[in-house]
């Protein structure tokens, strides 16, 4: 059984930082690309960041470039999303997703339909 579990969300003031974690089990983790997505109330789920299987390629949504950093530790089956300089518009439920393709283009990493496995989400709330 494939399981993705996010953690690290919470309430933070604007300008603050959080680090989200996504632990993946039930698969050979090093064979899986992982993406982070978020969904605010009343909005569609949107791409935030992604990392390739080996961790050598990363992609970001323009609005988070320079503020968010995605990384992975294959020994711990974990992907991280370090978020700094948080803004109220970053408020959303954050999801991690994984799939075992090996491709290198932004369009595929950013598409929700390209991922088979999803976590349950973790709430991030940024107060102004």
Foldseek 3Di string as FASTA:
>chain_A
DKAKAKDWADEEAQQAKIKMKIAIDDDQLLLKKKFKWWDDPPGDIWGAKIAFSNRPDMDGDPVQPPFWDWGDDSVRNMIMIIGGSDDQVVWTWMKMFMDRDGDDDPVLRTDPVNTDDIHPTDTHGYHD
